[in-house]
Amino acid sequence: MSVVETLPIRLVGGRSQSEGRVEVFHAGQWGSICDDQWDDNDAEVVCRQLGLSGFARAWSQSHFGKGSGRVWLDDVRCSGNELTLEQCSKSAWGEHNCLHSEDAGVSCSPLTEGITRLVGGAGSHEGRLEIFFHGQWGTVCDDGWTESNTQVVCRELGYRLGETLLSEGLDMNPVPRFGLGSGPILLDDVSCTGKEPSLLLCNRGEWLRHDCTHHEDVNIACSSERSADSPPA
């Protein structure tokens, strides 16, 4: 009976062992992965394979520095449920159209209180704003929400700029662009100056105190350009 070996992977260039440029070992040498199609589902599989629990986040455009070896893989498309990267759809070894400026990275951050994410968009730079609190993810109400608040969120997530996406149309209960949240509404009446490093450092109401429905969930689109001075948490 043949034994299927696990594809060796490692993270390089991060500030800790739980983040960095993703490198895979093939044909006797380490090489990087192109960020085409790279998203949080792929990052989740990488973190799982490395035995790192927490919140998986994908990084693109050589956020953790450029590799110097081969670009081994491209067009990696995981569902997020795979146990290892080799189980995901991907290009043939060495087939790509990328430079090392497109090296993919991941961060496997512990699920700490107050960590934020954007859900439902085309990538991790846009979506419905959610915060982790007491073991679950929840949304933020858009009462009093400002562009300064949005800039704090985008900076915290490692992006440069952003805009608040307001519900459109004349419907009395318009559905936000990135869908309705299903968890608790955790925060309301958030007010930032725009200079805070974290949304939790802004003025806000008490946890779970609000007068909103999920039709008022905050939706944000940050620039897809990463901020060089805002590495992942």
C-alpha atoms as a PDB file:
ATOM      1  CA  MET A   1       0.000   0.000   0.000  1.00  0.00           C
ATOM      2  CA  SER A   2       1.415   3.372  -1.007  1.00  0.00           C
ATOM      3  CA  VAL A   3       1.804   6.092   1.583  1.00  0.00           C
ATOM      4  CA  VAL A   4       0.789   9.635   0.617  1.00  0.00           C
ATOM      5  CA  GLU A   5       3.290  12.076   2.073  1.00  0.00           C
ATOM      6  CA  THR A   6       2.109  15.414   3.352  1.00  0.00           C
ATOM      7  CA  LEU A   7       3.281  18.368   1.305  1.00  0.00           C
ATOM      8  CA  PRO A   8       5.860  20.174   3.484  1.00  0.00           C
ATOM      9  CA  ILE A   9       4.973  23.829   4.023  1.00  0.00           C
ATOM     10  CA  ARG A  10       6.389  26.640   6.158  1.00  0.00           C
ATOM     11  CA  LEU A  11       5.836  30.328   6.944  1.00  0.00           C
ATOM     12  CA  VAL A  12       8.739  32.724   6.340  1.00  0.00           C
ATOM     13  CA  GLY A  13       9.320  36.408   7.079  1.00  0.00           C
ATOM     14  CA  GLY A  14       6.675  37.027   9.743  1.00  0.00           C
ATOM     15  CA  ARG A  15       7.094  38.497  13.204  1.00  0.00           C
ATOM     16  CA  SER A  16       6.130  35.165  14.774  1.00  0.00           C
ATOM     17  CA  GLN A  17       5.872  31.513  13.814  1.00  0.00           C
ATOM     18  CA  SER A  18       2.142  31.966  13.101  1.00  0.00           C
ATOM     19  CA  GLU A  19       2.511  34.312  10.112  1.00  0.00           C
ATOM     20  CA  GLY A  20       4.587  34.722   7.006  1.00  0.00           C
ATOM     21  CA  ARG A  21       5.099  34.004   3.330  1.00  0.00           C
ATOM     22  CA  VAL A  22       3.835  30.515   2.472  1.00  0.00           C
ATOM     23  CA  GLU A  23       6.537  28.249   1.045  1.00  0.00           C
ATOM     24  CA  VAL A  24       6.193  24.651  -0.129  1.00  0.00           C
ATOM     25  CA  PHE A  25       8.916  22.033  -0.581  1.00  0.00           C
ATOM     26  CA  HIS A  26       9.099  20.288  -3.950  1.00  0.00           C
ATOM     27  CA  ALA A  27      11.841  18.673  -6.030  1.00  0.00           C
ATOM     28  CA  GLY A  28      14.391  19.298  -3.318  1.00  0.00           C
ATOM     29  CA  GLN A  29      13.830  23.020  -2.845  1.00  0.00           C
ATOM     30  CA  TRP A  30      11.518  25.502  -1.162  1.00  0.00           C
ATOM     31  CA  GLY A  31       9.404  27.825  -3.283  1.00  0.00           C
ATOM     32  CA  SER A  32       6.548  30.301  -2.925  1.00  0.00           C
ATOM     33  CA  ILE A  33       2.886  30.397  -3.996  1.00  0.00           C
ATOM     34  CA  CYS A  34       1.419  33.033  -6.312  1.00  0.00           C
ATOM     35  CA  ASP A  35      -1.435  35.082  -4.828  1.00  0.00           C
ATOM     36  CA  ASP A  36      -3.778  34.550  -7.826  1.00  0.00           C
ATOM     37  CA  GLN A  37      -7.085  33.255  -6.364  1.00  0.00           C
ATOM     38  CA  TRP A  38      -5.486  33.320  -2.888  1.00  0.00           C
ATOM     39  CA  ASP A  39      -8.051  33.995  -0.138  1.00  0.00           C
ATOM     40  CA  ASP A  40      -8.956  33.247   3.470  1.00  0.00           C
ATOM     41  CA  ASN A  41     -10.139  29.720   2.607  1.00  0.00           C
ATOM     42  CA  ASP A  42      -6.621  28.879   1.430  1.00  0.00           C
ATOM     43  CA  ALA A  43      -5.156  30.487   4.540  1.00  0.00           C
ATOM     44  CA  GLU A  44      -7.429  28.393   6.750  1.00  0.00           C
ATOM     45  CA  VAL A  45      -6.083  25.185   5.210  1.00  0.00           C
ATOM     46  CA  VAL A  46      -2.472  26.339   5.633  1.00  0.00           C
ATOM     47  CA  CYS A  47      -3.054  27.181   9.299  1.00  0.00           C
ATOM     48  CA  ARG A  48      -4.792  23.838   9.856  1.00  0.00           C
ATOM     49  CA  GLN A  49      -1.971  21.895   8.212  1.00  0.00           C
ATOM     50  CA  LEU A  50       0.586  23.699  10.377  1.00  0.00           C
ATOM     51  CA  GLY A  51      -1.428  22.962  13.517  1.00  0.00           C
ATOM     52  CA  LEU A  52      -2.075  26.649  14.174  1.00  0.00           C
ATOM     53  CA  SER A  53      -5.562  27.412  15.467  1.00  0.00           C
ATOM     54  CA  GLY A  54      -7.289  30.769  15.390  1.00  0.00           C
ATOM     55  CA  PHE A  55      -8.385  33.260  12.745  1.00  0.00           C
ATOM     56  CA  ALA A  56      -6.785  32.563   9.351  1.00  0.00           C
ATOM     57  CA  ARG A  57      -6.191  35.552   7.084  1.00  0.00           C
ATOM     58  CA  ALA A  58      -4.766  35.570   3.561  1.00  0.00           C
ATOM     59  CA  TRP A  59      -2.145  38.129   2.514  1.00  0.00           C
ATOM     60  CA  SER A  60      -1.073  38.972  -1.028  1.00  0.00           C
ATOM     61  CA  GLN A  61       1.474  41.095  -2.905  1.00  0.00           C
ATOM     62  CA  SER A  62       4.477  39.697  -0.980  1.00  0.00           C
ATOM     63  CA  HIS A  63       3.287  41.276   2.275  1.00  0.00           C
ATOM     64  CA  PHE A  64       5.920  39.282   4.184  1.00  0.00           C
ATOM     65  CA  GLY A  65       8.679  39.896   1.665  1.00  0.00           C
ATOM     66  CA  LYS A  66       9.622  38.422  -1.684  1.00  0.00           C
ATOM     67  CA  GLY A  67      10.834  34.850  -1.984  1.00  0.00           C
ATOM     68  CA  SER A  68      14.071  34.082  -3.810  1.00  0.00           C
ATOM     69  CA  GLY A  69      13.473  30.537  -5.008  1.00  0.00           C
ATOM     70  CA  ARG A  70      10.961  29.085  -7.438  1.00  0.00           C
ATOM     71  CA  VAL A  71       7.303  30.036  -7.613  1.00  0.00           C
ATOM     72  CA  TRP A  72       5.949  26.526  -7.252  1.00  0.00           C
ATOM     73  CA  LEU A  73       2.172  26.923  -7.266  1.00  0.00           C
ATOM     74  CA  ASP A  74      -0.485  29.226  -8.726  1.00  0.00           C
ATOM     75  CA  ASP A  75      -4.285  29.426  -8.764  1.00  0.00           C
ATOM     76  CA  VAL A  76      -4.691  27.614  -5.442  1.00  0.00           C
ATOM     77  CA  ARG A  77      -8.398  27.260  -4.698  1.00  0.00           C
ATOM     78  CA  CYS A  78      -9.346  25.612  -1.403  1.00  0.00           C
ATOM     79  CA  SER A  79     -12.866  25.296  -0.053  1.00  0.00           C
ATOM     80  CA  GLY A  80     -11.461  25.789   3.443  1.00  0.00           C
ATOM     81  CA  ASN A  81     -12.398  22.293   4.633  1.00  0.00           C
ATOM     82  CA  GLU A  82      -9.325  20.463   3.347  1.00  0.00           C
ATOM     83  CA  LEU A  83      -6.842  19.036   5.829  1.00  0.00           C
ATOM     84  CA  THR A  84      -3.789  19.879   3.727  1.00  0.00           C
ATOM     85  CA  LEU A  85      -2.913  22.203   0.867  1.00  0.00           C
ATOM     86  CA  GLU A  86      -2.262  19.267  -1.467  1.00  0.00           C
ATOM     87  CA  GLN A  87      -5.977  18.409  -1.367  1.00  0.00           C
ATOM     88  CA  CYS A  88      -6.899  21.786  -2.897  1.00  0.00           C
ATOM     89  CA  SER A  89      -7.319  22.598  -6.571  1.00  0.00           C
ATOM     90  CA  LYS A  90      -4.128  24.197  -7.884  1.00  0.00           C
ATOM     91  CA  SER A  91      -1.847  24.572 -10.895  1.00  0.00           C
ATOM     92  CA  ALA A  92       0.742  22.015 -11.935  1.00  0.00           C
ATOM     93  CA  TRP A  93       4.106  22.389 -10.213  1.00  0.00           C
ATOM     94  CA  GLY A  94       6.048  25.351 -11.578  1.00  0.00           C
ATOM     95  CA  GLU A  95       3.255  26.543 -13.877  1.00  0.00           C
ATOM     96  CA  HIS A  96       2.464  30.195 -13.161  1.00  0.00           C
ATOM     97  CA  ASN A  97       2.459  33.727 -14.608  1.00  0.00           C
ATOM     98  CA  CYS A  98       3.717  35.510 -11.493  1.00  0.00           C
ATOM     99  CA  LEU A  99       6.647  37.389 -10.022  1.00  0.00           C
ATOM    100  CA  HIS A 100       7.797  37.155  -6.414  1.00  0.00           C
ATOM    101  CA  SER A 101       6.014  40.477  -5.842  1.00  0.00           C
ATOM    102  CA  GLU A 102       2.851  38.333  -5.883  1.00  0.00           C
ATOM    103  CA  ASP A 103       3.974  35.840  -3.227  1.00  0.00           C
ATOM    104  CA  ALA A 104       1.113  34.695  -0.997  1.00  0.00           C
ATOM    105  CA  GLY A 105       1.185  34.813   2.780  1.00  0.00           C
ATOM    106  CA  VAL A 106      -1.002  33.937   5.751  1.00  0.00           C
ATOM    107  CA  SER A 107      -1.446  34.872   9.373  1.00  0.00           C
ATOM    108  CA  CYS A 108      -2.949  32.457  11.886  1.00  0.00           C
ATOM    109  CA  SER A 109      -4.039  34.826  14.646  1.00  0.00           C
ATOM    110  CA  PRO A 110      -5.441  33.652  17.978  1.00  0.00           C
ATOM    111  CA  LEU A 111      -9.141  34.447  18.339  1.00  0.00           C
ATOM    112  CA  THR A 112      -8.697  37.234  20.832  1.00  0.00           C
ATOM    113  CA  GLU A 113     -11.478  39.452  22.083  1.00  0.00           C
ATOM    114  CA  GLY A 114     -12.139  42.312  19.715  1.00  0.00           C
ATOM    115  CA  ILE A 115     -10.453  40.947  16.591  1.00  0.00           C
ATOM    116  CA  THR A 116     -12.276  42.123  13.454  1.00  0.00           C
ATOM    117  CA  ARG A 117     -12.982  40.687  10.007  1.00  0.00           C
ATOM    118  CA  LEU A 118     -14.952  41.524   6.857  1.00  0.00           C
ATOM    119  CA  VAL A 119     -17.328  38.808   5.625  1.00  0.00           C
ATOM    120  CA  GLY A 120     -19.245  38.195   2.407  1.00  0.00           C
ATOM    121  CA  GLY A 121     -17.167  40.206  -0.046  1.00  0.00           C
ATOM    122  CA  ALA A 122     -14.972  39.187  -2.955  1.00  0.00           C
ATOM    123  CA  GLY A 123     -11.935  39.200  -0.671  1.00  0.00           C
ATOM    124  CA  SER A 124     -10.824  39.917   2.896  1.00  0.00           C
ATOM    125  CA  HIS A 125     -10.675  43.672   2.084  1.00  0.00           C
ATOM    126  CA  GLU A 126     -14.466  44.088   1.871  1.00  0.00           C
ATOM    127  CA  GLY A 127     -17.633  42.791   3.480  1.00  0.00           C
ATOM    128  CA  ARG A 128     -19.882  42.940   6.511  1.00  0.00           C
ATOM    129  CA  LEU A 129     -17.960  44.058   9.580  1.00  0.00           C
ATOM    130  CA  GLU A 130     -17.821  41.431  12.334  1.00  0.00           C
ATOM    131  CA  ILE A 131     -16.122  41.388  15.740  1.00  0.00           C
ATOM    132  CA  PHE A 132     -15.196  38.418  17.928  1.00  0.00           C
ATOM    133  CA  PHE A 133     -16.609  38.619  21.467  1.00  0.00           C
ATOM    134  CA  HIS A 134     -17.145  35.937  24.118  1.00  0.00           C
ATOM    135  CA  GLY A 135     -16.517  33.030  21.783  1.00  0.00           C
ATOM    136  CA  GLN A 136     -18.620  34.165  18.814  1.00  0.00           C
ATOM    137  CA  TRP A 137     -18.646  36.559  15.887  1.00  0.00           C
ATOM    138  CA  GLY A 138     -21.170  39.390  15.765  1.00  0.00           C
ATOM    139  CA  THR A 139     -21.954  42.517  13.774  1.00  0.00           C
ATOM    140  CA  VAL A 140     -21.823  46.286  14.336  1.00  0.00           C
ATOM    141  CA  CYS A 141     -24.817  48.612  13.887  1.00  0.00           C
ATOM    142  CA  ASP A 142     -24.367  51.546  11.492  1.00  0.00           C
ATOM    143  CA  ASP A 143     -26.001  54.161  13.783  1.00  0.00           C
ATOM    144  CA  GLY A 144     -23.678  57.173  13.751  1.00  0.00           C
ATOM    145  CA  TRP A 145     -21.103  55.320  11.658  1.00  0.00           C
ATOM    146  CA  THR A 146     -18.570  57.633   9.971  1.00  0.00           C
ATOM    147  CA  GLU A 147     -15.788  57.411   7.407  1.00  0.00           C
ATOM    148  CA  SER A 148     -13.332  57.884  10.275  1.00  0.00           C
ATOM    149  CA  ASN A 149     -14.644  54.638  11.763  1.00  0.00           C
ATOM    150  CA  THR A 150     -14.131  52.919   8.417  1.00  0.00           C
ATOM    151  CA  GLN A 151     -10.534  54.131   8.173  1.00  0.00           C
ATOM    152  CA  VAL A 152      -9.789  52.671  11.618  1.00  0.00           C
ATOM    153  CA  VAL A 153     -11.211  49.300  10.586  1.00  0.00           C
ATOM    154  CA  CYS A 154      -9.294  49.226   7.289  1.00  0.00           C
ATOM    155  CA  ARG A 155      -6.043  50.209   8.987  1.00  0.00           C
ATOM    156  CA  GLU A 156      -6.572  47.576  11.682  1.00  0.00           C
ATOM    157  CA  LEU A 157      -7.055  44.952   8.964  1.00  0.00           C
ATOM    158  CA  GLY A 158      -3.913  46.077   7.163  1.00  0.00           C
ATOM    159  CA  TYR A 159      -5.451  48.067   4.280  1.00  0.00           C
ATOM    160  CA  ARG A 160      -4.825  51.667   3.285  1.00  0.00           C
ATOM    161  CA  LEU A 161      -8.199  53.256   2.508  1.00  0.00           C
ATOM    162  CA  GLY A 162     -11.859  52.397   2.706  1.00  0.00           C
ATOM    163  CA  GLU A 163     -15.439  53.486   2.240  1.00  0.00           C
ATOM    164  CA  THR A 164     -18.671  52.730   4.045  1.00  0.00           C
ATOM    165  CA  LEU A 165     -21.230  51.018   1.824  1.00  0.00           C
ATOM    166  CA  LEU A 166     -24.698  52.209   2.743  1.00  0.00           C
ATOM    167  CA  SER A 167     -27.829  50.239   1.913  1.00  0.00           C
ATOM    168  CA  GLU A 168     -29.339  51.364  -1.359  1.00  0.00           C
ATOM    169  CA  GLY A 169     -32.927  51.712  -2.562  1.00  0.00           C
ATOM    170  CA  LEU A 170     -36.224  52.844  -1.083  1.00  0.00           C
ATOM    171  CA  ASP A 171     -37.093  49.585   0.670  1.00  0.00           C
ATOM    172  CA  MET A 172     -38.008  50.096   4.303  1.00  0.00           C
ATOM    173  CA  ASN A 173     -35.685  47.166   5.127  1.00  0.00           C
ATOM    174  CA  PRO A 174     -32.897  47.254   2.545  1.00  0.00           C
ATOM    175  CA  VAL A 175     -30.485  44.324   2.645  1.00  0.00           C
ATOM    176  CA  PRO A 176     -26.852  45.413   3.071  1.00  0.00           C
ATOM    177  CA  ARG A 177     -24.652  44.673   0.061  1.00  0.00           C
ATOM    178  CA  PHE A 178     -22.807  41.842   1.796  1.00  0.00           C
ATOM    179  CA  GLY A 179     -25.851  40.240   3.360  1.00  0.00           C
ATOM    180  CA  LEU A 180     -27.468  40.101   6.784  1.00  0.00           C
ATOM    181  CA  GLY A 181     -25.506  38.916   9.776  1.00  0.00           C
ATOM    182  CA  SER A 182     -26.864  35.953  11.727  1.00  0.00           C
ATOM    183  CA  GLY A 183     -25.071  36.351  15.040  1.00  0.00           C
ATOM    184  CA  PRO A 184     -25.559  38.929  17.790  1.00  0.00           C
ATOM    185  CA  ILE A 185     -25.325  42.671  17.155  1.00  0.00           C
ATOM    186  CA  LEU A 186     -22.398  43.458  19.419  1.00  0.00           C
ATOM    187  CA  LEU A 187     -21.781  47.200  19.129  1.00  0.00           C
ATOM    188  CA  ASP A 188     -23.700  50.385  18.357  1.00  0.00           C
ATOM    189  CA  ASP A 189     -22.984  54.126  18.328  1.00  0.00           C
ATOM    190  CA  VAL A 190     -19.275  53.714  17.524  1.00  0.00           C
ATOM    191  CA  SER A 191     -17.409  57.010  17.120  1.00  0.00           C
ATOM    192  CA  CYS A 192     -13.722  57.158  16.112  1.00  0.00           C
ATOM    193  CA  THR A 193     -11.430  60.108  15.451  1.00  0.00           C
ATOM    194  CA  GLY A 194      -9.737  58.079  12.723  1.00  0.00           C
ATOM    195  CA  LYS A 195      -6.392  57.819  14.499  1.00  0.00           C
ATOM    196  CA  GLU A 196      -7.154  54.862  16.773  1.00  0.00           C
ATOM    197  CA  PRO A 197      -5.175  51.640  16.088  1.00  0.00           C
ATOM    198  CA  SER A 198      -8.211  49.523  16.976  1.00  0.00           C
ATOM    199  CA  LEU A 199     -11.981  49.881  16.799  1.00  0.00           C
ATOM    200  CA  LEU A 200     -12.203  48.928  20.473  1.00  0.00           C
ATOM    201  CA  LEU A 201     -10.303  52.112  21.385  1.00  0.00           C
ATOM    202  CA  CYS A 202     -13.042  54.299  19.859  1.00  0.00           C
ATOM    203  CA  ASN A 203     -15.983  55.669  21.813  1.00  0.00           C
ATOM    204  CA  ARG A 204     -18.819  53.139  21.652  1.00  0.00           C
ATOM    205  CA  GLY A 205     -21.819  51.791  23.478  1.00  0.00           C
ATOM    206  CA  GLU A 206     -21.747  48.797  25.798  1.00  0.00           C
ATOM    207  CA  TRP A 207     -21.444  45.319  24.347  1.00  0.00           C
ATOM    208  CA  LEU A 208     -24.813  43.987  23.104  1.00  0.00           C
ATOM    209  CA  ARG A 209     -26.616  47.302  23.807  1.00  0.00           C
ATOM    210  CA  HIS A 210     -28.296  48.497  20.607  1.00  0.00           C
ATOM    211  CA  ASP A 211     -31.608  49.392  18.970  1.00  0.00           C
ATOM    212  CA  CYS A 212     -30.848  47.860  15.560  1.00  0.00           C
ATOM    213  CA  THR A 213     -31.636  44.957  13.260  1.00  0.00           C
ATOM    214  CA  HIS A 214     -29.221  43.162  10.937  1.00  0.00           C
ATOM    215  CA  HIS A 215     -30.525  45.395   8.134  1.00  0.00           C
ATOM    216  CA  GLU A 216     -28.294  48.042   9.734  1.00  0.00           C
ATOM    217  CA  ASP A 217     -25.088  45.979   9.781  1.00  0.00           C
ATOM    218  CA  VAL A 218     -21.992  47.995   8.840  1.00  0.00           C
ATOM    219  CA  ASN A 219     -20.660  47.158   5.365  1.00  0.00           C
ATOM    220  CA  ILE A 220     -17.166  48.283   4.358  1.00  0.00           C
ATOM    221  CA  ALA A 221     -14.964  48.172   1.259  1.00  0.00           C
ATOM    222  CA  CYS A 222     -11.296  48.865   1.948  1.00  0.00           C
ATOM    223  CA  SER A 223      -8.729  49.423  -0.760  1.00  0.00           C
ATOM    224  CA  SER A 224      -7.298  46.069  -1.850  1.00  0.00           C
ATOM    225  CA  GLU A 225      -3.865  47.634  -1.470  1.00  0.00           C
ATOM    226  CA  ARG A 226      -2.119  46.479   1.668  1.00  0.00           C
ATOM    227  CA  SER A 227      -0.712  48.976   4.129  1.00  0.00           C
ATOM    228  CA  ALA A 228       3.022  48.462   4.583  1.00  0.00           C
ATOM    229  CA  ASP A 229       2.936  49.856   8.114  1.00  0.00           C
ATOM    230  CA  SER A 230       0.028  47.711   9.299  1.00  0.00           C
ATOM    231  CA  PRO A 231       1.110  44.068   9.530  1.00  0.00           C
ATOM    232  CA  PRO A 232      -1.436  41.487  10.649  1.00  0.00           C
ATOM    233  CA  ALA A 233      -2.229  41.083  14.336  1.00  0.00           C
END
